[in-house]
Protein backbone atom coordinates (compact mmCIF):
# COMPACT_ATOMS: atom_id res chain seq x y z
CA MET A 1 -13.93 17.66 -6.48
CA CYS A 2 -13.44 19.48 -3.51
CA THR A 3 -12.28 22.92 -3.42
CA THR A 4 -10.03 22.38 -0.78
CA CYS A 5 -7.94 19.33 -1.90
CA GLY A 6 -9.14 18.78 -5.59
CA CYS A 7 -10.58 15.22 -4.96
CA GLY A 8 -12.04 13.59 -8.17
CA ILE A 9 -10.68 12.45 -11.63
CA GLY A 10 -11.41 10.00 -14.00
CA GLN A 11 -13.83 7.84 -14.39
CA THR A 12 -15.38 5.14 -12.09
CA ARG A 13 -18.20 2.67 -13.84
CA ILE A 14 -20.87 0.51 -11.78
CA ASN A 15 -22.22 -2.04 -14.09
CA GLY A 16 -21.56 0.06 -17.10
CA GLN A 17 -22.69 3.33 -15.78
CA SER A 18 -20.22 6.26 -15.70
CA MET A 19 -19.66 8.10 -12.78
CA ARG A 20 -16.96 10.79 -11.79
CA SER A 21 -13.85 9.09 -10.00
CA ARG A 22 -10.37 9.83 -9.21
CA HIS A 23 -8.14 7.61 -9.61
CA HIS A 24 11.56 5.96 15.31
CA SER A 25 9.87 9.18 15.73
CA ASN A 26 7.62 10.74 18.85
CA THR A 27 7.26 13.84 16.54
CA ARG A 28 4.21 14.78 14.22
CA LEU A 29 4.19 16.40 11.16
CA HIS A 30 1.25 19.23 11.14
CA TYR A 31 -0.29 20.78 8.09
CA ARG A 32 -2.59 23.86 7.88
CA PRO A 33 -4.98 24.22 5.33
CA LEU A 34 -5.85 27.30 3.07
CA GLN A 35 -9.34 27.35 3.85
CA SER A 36 -11.02 27.10 7.12
CA ALA A 37 -14.05 24.98 6.04
CA HIS A 38 -13.99 21.38 4.41
CA ASP A 39 -17.35 19.69 3.89
CA HIS A 40 -17.07 16.71 1.96
CA ALA A 41 -20.59 15.59 2.53
CA HIS A 42 -21.70 16.51 -1.45
CA GLU A 43 -18.73 14.24 -2.50
CA LYS A 44 -20.80 10.83 -1.79
CA VAL A 45 -21.70 9.88 -5.07
CA ALA A 46 -24.92 8.07 -5.34
CA PRO A 47 -26.19 4.65 -6.56
CA PRO A 48 -27.67 4.82 -9.94
CA VAL A 49 -31.07 6.24 -9.58
CA THR A 50 -33.92 4.41 -10.90
CA ALA A 51 -37.06 5.95 -12.64
CA ASP A 52 -39.51 5.70 -9.42
CA HIS A 53 -37.20 7.66 -7.29
CA ALA A 54 -35.77 10.15 -9.78
CA ALA A 55 -37.78 12.85 -8.36
CA ASP A 56 -36.53 12.54 -4.45
CA THR A 57 -33.09 12.75 -5.44
CA LEU A 58 -30.72 15.78 -5.89
CA HIS A 59 -27.43 14.58 -7.68
CA PHE A 60 -24.49 17.34 -7.57
CA GLY A 61 -22.21 14.90 -9.32
CA THR A 62 -23.44 15.16 -12.95
CA GLY A 63 -21.00 18.22 -14.42
CA ILE A 64 -17.85 17.67 -15.64
CA ALA A 65 -16.34 18.35 -12.47
CA GLY A 66 -18.14 15.49 -11.01
CA THR A 67 -19.39 17.62 -8.15
CA HIS A 68 -20.32 21.08 -7.18
CA ALA A 69 -19.27 24.20 -4.94
CA PRO A 70 -21.40 27.14 -4.64
CA GLY A 71 -20.33 30.29 -6.44
CA MET A 72 -17.43 28.32 -8.91
CA SER A 73 -17.75 27.34 -12.23
CA GLN A 74 -17.50 23.33 -13.50
CA THR A 75 -14.83 24.83 -15.69
CA ARG A 76 -12.64 26.39 -12.67
CA MET A 77 -13.17 23.24 -10.38
CA VAL A 78 -11.82 21.12 -13.36
CA LYS A 79 -8.72 23.38 -13.45
CA ILE A 80 -8.08 23.80 -9.68
CA GLU A 81 -8.65 19.77 -9.35
CA ARG A 82 -6.09 19.50 -12.26
CA ASP A 83 -3.33 21.75 -10.85
CA ILE A 84 -3.52 20.03 -7.95
CA LEU A 85 -3.47 16.51 -8.83
CA ALA A 86 -0.64 16.91 -11.40
CA LYS A 87 1.51 18.81 -8.73
CA ASN A 88 0.61 15.70 -6.08
CA ASN A 89 1.71 13.31 -9.10
CA GLN A 90 5.04 14.95 -9.21
CA PHE A 91 5.56 14.62 -5.34
CA ALA A 92 4.08 10.85 -5.86
CA ALA A 93 6.93 9.71 -8.48
CA GLU A 94 9.43 11.14 -6.29
CA ASN A 95 8.42 9.33 -3.58
CA ARG A 96 8.07 5.90 -5.86
CA ARG A 97 11.61 6.69 -7.00
CA TYR A 98 12.98 6.63 -3.65
CA LEU A 99 10.93 3.99 -1.98
CA ALA A 100 12.34 1.91 -5.12
CA GLU A 101 15.90 2.51 -4.90
CA HIS A 102 15.84 1.65 -1.53
CA GLY A 103 13.54 -1.28 -1.67
CA ILE A 104 11.08 -0.17 0.84
CA PHE A 105 7.58 -1.74 -0.27
CA ALA A 106 4.82 0.85 0.89
CA LEU A 107 1.23 -0.05 1.37
CA ASN A 108 -1.53 2.85 1.69
CA LEU A 109 -4.00 1.42 4.19
CA VAL A 110 -7.50 3.30 3.54
CA SER A 111 -10.84 2.74 5.22
CA SER A 112 -13.82 4.67 6.60
CA PRO A 113 -13.29 5.51 10.47
CA GLY A 114 -13.14 2.78 12.93
CA SER A 115 -13.27 -0.50 10.56
CA GLY A 116 -10.03 -1.29 12.57
CA LYS A 117 -7.17 -0.05 10.64
CA THR A 118 -4.94 0.27 13.41
CA THR A 119 -6.00 -2.79 15.44
CA LEU A 120 -5.28 -4.54 12.04
CA LEU A 121 -1.81 -3.04 11.59
CA VAL A 122 -0.54 -3.93 15.17
CA LYS A 123 -1.70 -7.82 14.45
CA THR A 124 0.18 -7.23 10.96
CA ILE A 125 3.37 -6.03 12.37
CA GLU A 126 3.28 -8.72 15.13
CA MET A 127 3.22 -11.75 12.76
CA LEU A 128 5.39 -9.77 9.90
CA ARG A 129 7.93 -8.12 12.04
CA ASP A 130 10.17 -11.58 12.05
CA ARG A 131 10.20 -11.33 7.99
CA PHE A 132 10.87 -8.08 7.20
CA PRO A 133 12.03 -4.70 9.20
CA ILE A 134 8.90 -2.47 9.49
CA ALA A 135 8.03 1.71 9.72
CA VAL A 136 4.53 3.17 9.81
CA ILE A 137 3.23 6.69 9.01
CA GLU A 138 -0.15 7.59 10.74
CA GLY A 139 -1.98 10.10 9.37
CA ASP A 140 -5.13 11.79 11.54
CA GLN A 141 -6.33 15.48 11.81
CA GLN A 142 -5.32 15.40 15.30
CA THR A 143 -3.82 13.14 18.43
CA ASP A 144 -0.72 10.57 18.10
CA HIS A 145 -2.92 7.98 19.85
CA ASP A 146 -2.62 5.58 16.98
CA ALA A 147 0.90 6.33 16.59
CA ALA A 148 1.75 5.43 20.45
CA ARG A 149 -0.12 2.06 19.74
CA ILE A 150 2.15 1.34 16.73
CA ARG A 151 5.41 2.41 18.43
CA ALA A 152 4.35 -0.09 21.47
CA THR A 153 5.12 -2.94 19.13
CA GLY A 154 8.42 -1.51 18.88
CA VAL A 155 8.56 -0.38 15.04
CA PRO A 156 9.31 2.91 14.33
CA ALA A 157 5.97 5.68 13.83
CA LEU A 158 5.74 8.94 12.68
CA GLN A 159 2.38 10.58 13.14
CA ILE A 160 1.24 13.07 10.57
CA ASN A 161 -1.39 15.36 11.85
CA THR A 162 -3.89 16.66 9.10
CA GLY A 163 -5.51 19.65 10.87
CA LYS A 164 -8.82 20.29 8.77
CA GLY A 165 -7.50 18.18 5.86
CA CYS A 166 -9.18 14.85 5.26
CA HIS A 167 -6.35 12.88 3.60
CA LEU A 168 -2.47 12.32 3.14
CA ASP A 169 -0.87 13.52 0.15
CA ALA A 170 2.08 13.10 -1.70
CA HIS A 171 4.16 15.95 -0.46
CA MET A 172 3.64 14.94 3.40
CA ILE A 173 4.84 11.21 2.95
CA GLY A 174 8.15 12.81 1.41
CA GLN A 175 8.80 14.79 4.25
CA ALA A 176 7.69 12.04 6.56
CA LEU A 177 10.51 9.89 4.68
CA GLN A 178 13.03 12.60 5.27
CA GLN A 179 12.31 13.02 8.90
CA MET A 180 12.08 9.31 9.97
CA VAL A 181 14.28 6.42 9.44
CA VAL A 182 13.19 3.49 7.38
CA ALA A 183 15.25 0.88 6.83
CA ASP A 184 16.49 -0.26 3.08
CA ASN A 185 14.53 -3.28 1.89
CA SER A 186 11.66 -2.98 4.69
CA VAL A 187 7.80 -2.79 4.64
CA LEU A 188 6.14 0.69 5.14
CA PHE A 189 2.84 0.90 6.16
CA ILE A 190 0.68 4.32 5.49
CA GLU A 191 -2.26 4.36 7.61
CA ASN A 192 -4.50 7.02 5.81
CA VAL A 193 -6.79 9.62 7.32
CA GLY A 194 -9.88 7.49 8.02
CA ASN A 195 -12.13 8.69 4.92
CA LEU A 196 -13.80 6.64 2.06
CA VAL A 197 -13.75 9.71 -0.64
CA CYS A 198 -11.04 11.80 -0.65
CA PRO A 199 -7.66 9.38 0.01
CA SER A 200 -9.01 7.46 -2.91
CA GLY A 201 -7.86 10.27 -5.69
CA PHE A 202 -4.43 11.19 -4.23
CA ASP A 203 -1.14 8.68 -5.19
CA LEU A 204 1.47 8.79 -2.56
CA GLY A 205 4.10 6.72 -3.85
CA GLU A 206 3.16 3.22 -2.74
CA ALA A 207 2.79 0.09 -4.25
CA HIS A 208 -0.55 -0.73 -3.61
CA LYS A 209 -3.74 0.98 -1.97
CA VAL A 210 -5.49 -1.85 0.55
CA VAL A 211 -9.19 -0.93 1.48
CA ILE A 212 -10.28 -1.99 4.61
CA LEU A 213 -14.42 -2.67 4.87
CA SER A 214 -15.62 -3.93 8.43
CA ALA A 215 -18.45 -6.16 8.66
CA THR A 216 -20.11 -3.65 11.13
CA GLU A 217 -20.40 -1.00 8.19
CA GLY A 218 -22.96 -2.10 5.69
CA GLU A 219 -22.63 -4.38 2.21
CA ASP A 220 -23.42 -1.14 0.17
CA LYS A 221 -20.35 0.93 0.82
CA PRO A 222 -18.64 -0.23 -2.43
CA LEU A 223 -21.70 1.29 -4.19
CA LYS A 224 -21.93 4.52 -2.05
CA TYR A 225 -18.15 4.87 -2.63
CA PRO A 226 -17.06 3.50 -5.71
CA ASP A 227 -13.83 5.61 -6.11
CA MET A 228 -12.07 4.18 -3.14
CA PHE A 229 -12.90 0.40 -4.03
CA HIS A 230 -12.16 1.15 -7.71
CA ALA A 231 -8.49 2.38 -6.95
CA ALA A 232 -7.47 -0.41 -4.40
CA ASP A 233 -5.84 -3.59 -5.09
CA LEU A 234 -6.88 -5.67 -2.39
CA MET A 235 -10.49 -5.40 -0.21
CA LEU A 236 -9.77 -6.61 3.46
CA LEU A 237 -13.09 -7.53 4.84
CA ASN A 238 -12.53 -7.35 8.89
CA LYS A 239 -14.54 -7.98 11.72
CA CYS A 240 -15.98 -11.40 10.31
CA ASP A 241 -15.73 -12.63 13.89
CA LEU A 242 -18.46 -10.72 14.29
CA LEU A 243 -20.78 -11.93 11.42
CA PRO A 244 -22.96 -14.52 13.67
CA HIS A 245 -24.26 -11.41 15.13
CA LEU A 246 -25.06 -9.19 12.27
CA THR A 247 -27.37 -9.41 9.24
CA PHE A 248 -24.04 -8.68 7.03
CA ASP A 249 -23.98 -10.62 3.89
CA VAL A 250 -20.63 -11.53 2.59
CA ASP A 251 -21.51 -12.61 -0.85
CA LEU A 252 -23.53 -9.68 -1.64
CA THR A 253 -20.83 -7.39 -0.29
CA ILE A 254 -18.19 -8.91 -2.78
CA ASP A 255 -20.71 -9.02 -5.16
CA TYR A 256 -21.18 -5.09 -4.88
CA ALA A 257 -17.21 -4.73 -4.95
CA HIS A 258 -16.70 -6.36 -8.30
CA ARG A 259 -19.47 -4.03 -9.73
CA VAL A 260 -17.34 -1.50 -8.97
CA HIS A 261 -14.10 -3.31 -9.55
CA PRO A 262 -14.46 -6.36 -11.41
CA GLY A 263 -11.58 -9.01 -10.50
CA LEU A 264 -10.88 -7.16 -6.64
CA PRO A 265 -9.16 -9.98 -4.64
CA VAL A 266 -10.97 -9.92 -1.34
CA LEU A 267 -9.67 -11.58 1.99
CA PRO A 268 -12.31 -12.12 4.92
CA ILE A 269 -10.52 -11.22 7.91
CA SER A 270 -10.59 -10.98 12.00
CA ALA A 271 -7.84 -8.81 13.24
CA THR A 272 -8.99 -9.13 17.06
CA GLN A 273 -9.55 -13.15 16.57
CA GLY A 274 -6.99 -13.65 13.99
CA SER A 275 -8.81 -15.47 11.11
CA GLY A 276 -8.01 -14.94 7.55
CA MET A 277 -4.51 -12.93 8.85
CA GLN A 278 -2.31 -15.72 7.42
CA ALA A 279 -3.51 -15.07 3.94
CA TRP A 280 -3.23 -11.24 4.42
CA ILE A 281 0.62 -12.08 5.48
CA ASP A 282 1.12 -14.16 2.82
CA TRP A 283 -0.20 -11.71 0.37
CA ILE A 284 2.18 -9.24 2.02
CA SER A 285 5.28 -11.34 1.44
CA ALA A 286 4.51 -12.33 -1.90
CA GLU A 287 3.81 -8.63 -3.12
CA CYS A 288 7.09 -7.77 -1.54
CA LEU A 289 8.94 -10.29 -3.42
CA ARG A 290 7.50 -9.47 -6.64
CA ALA A 291 8.35 -5.66 -6.06
CA ALA A 292 11.88 -6.82 -5.10
CA ALA A 293 12.11 -8.32 -8.56
CA SER A 294 10.53 -5.82 -10.62
CA GLU A 295 12.40 -2.87 -8.59
CA SER A 296 16.16 -4.69 -9.12
CA PRO A 297 18.81 -1.71 -10.15
CA GLN A 298 18.45 -2.67 -13.89
CA ASN A 299 14.84 -2.28 -13.89
CA ILE A 300 14.13 0.76 -11.68
CA ASP A 301 15.03 3.44 -14.48
CA SER A 302 12.75 1.65 -16.92
CA ALA A 303 10.03 1.22 -14.57
CA LEU A 304 9.77 4.86 -13.21
CA GLY A 305 10.77 6.75 -16.72
């Protein structure tokens, strides 16, 4: 858990070994964190340590909080974590109810920086906009560069700047939904801040988290950042057009992802070249129909409690 955002709750398992985890507008929303520093370097979950290398590894994720903060007890960190996530979950439930009542299908796109999320999103909009109305919420620490790229496609996009914050949260999304116009029976894409740690623990009220991993990042990202891959409902393996120029092992990457999340669907794609994109569009369309069936007026109250 980070003492600024409270990331980290629950259990993620790799090969049976337990690890802490979590489970039309040109305007921007700005958020200022309460603390002036926010270093997540201590939150990287290490792969299982072998006996040969145990003496060469320092692991700060073994306590009940699953992380470390100088001068703060594990019990105190757990309490902060629970308080923050409980409040976030209340806002997420409100978002989910609003989205269901208006037939809005929301996807939370998560990845490390540079995986190609925005390029993927632009290509997705071009392929999907004749089927559904589309809106986008963009998350970055600063600038509205990505939102400008999205608006150039003709769809509404609102930029959220998080300042020193490392992820979007449900309260930010709720405020965005109040400020922007999202048509009923539409698809809402939420492009989260580039970060493979913190966004995994924060429910935004979305239907699914979709994790994007690029072939330029290395095969072991699912093991290094298990919480994100465990929380995702779909993994897109992007930049596959570069595979002939890389030593990237696709099968090994999928195996690592399945160690963290058995059965996780994986779609190899290239957002720039278009390969595999139709399978991604078909997945969105199928999930939209599934969500519409489950969120019919008679089912909303029972589904949301």
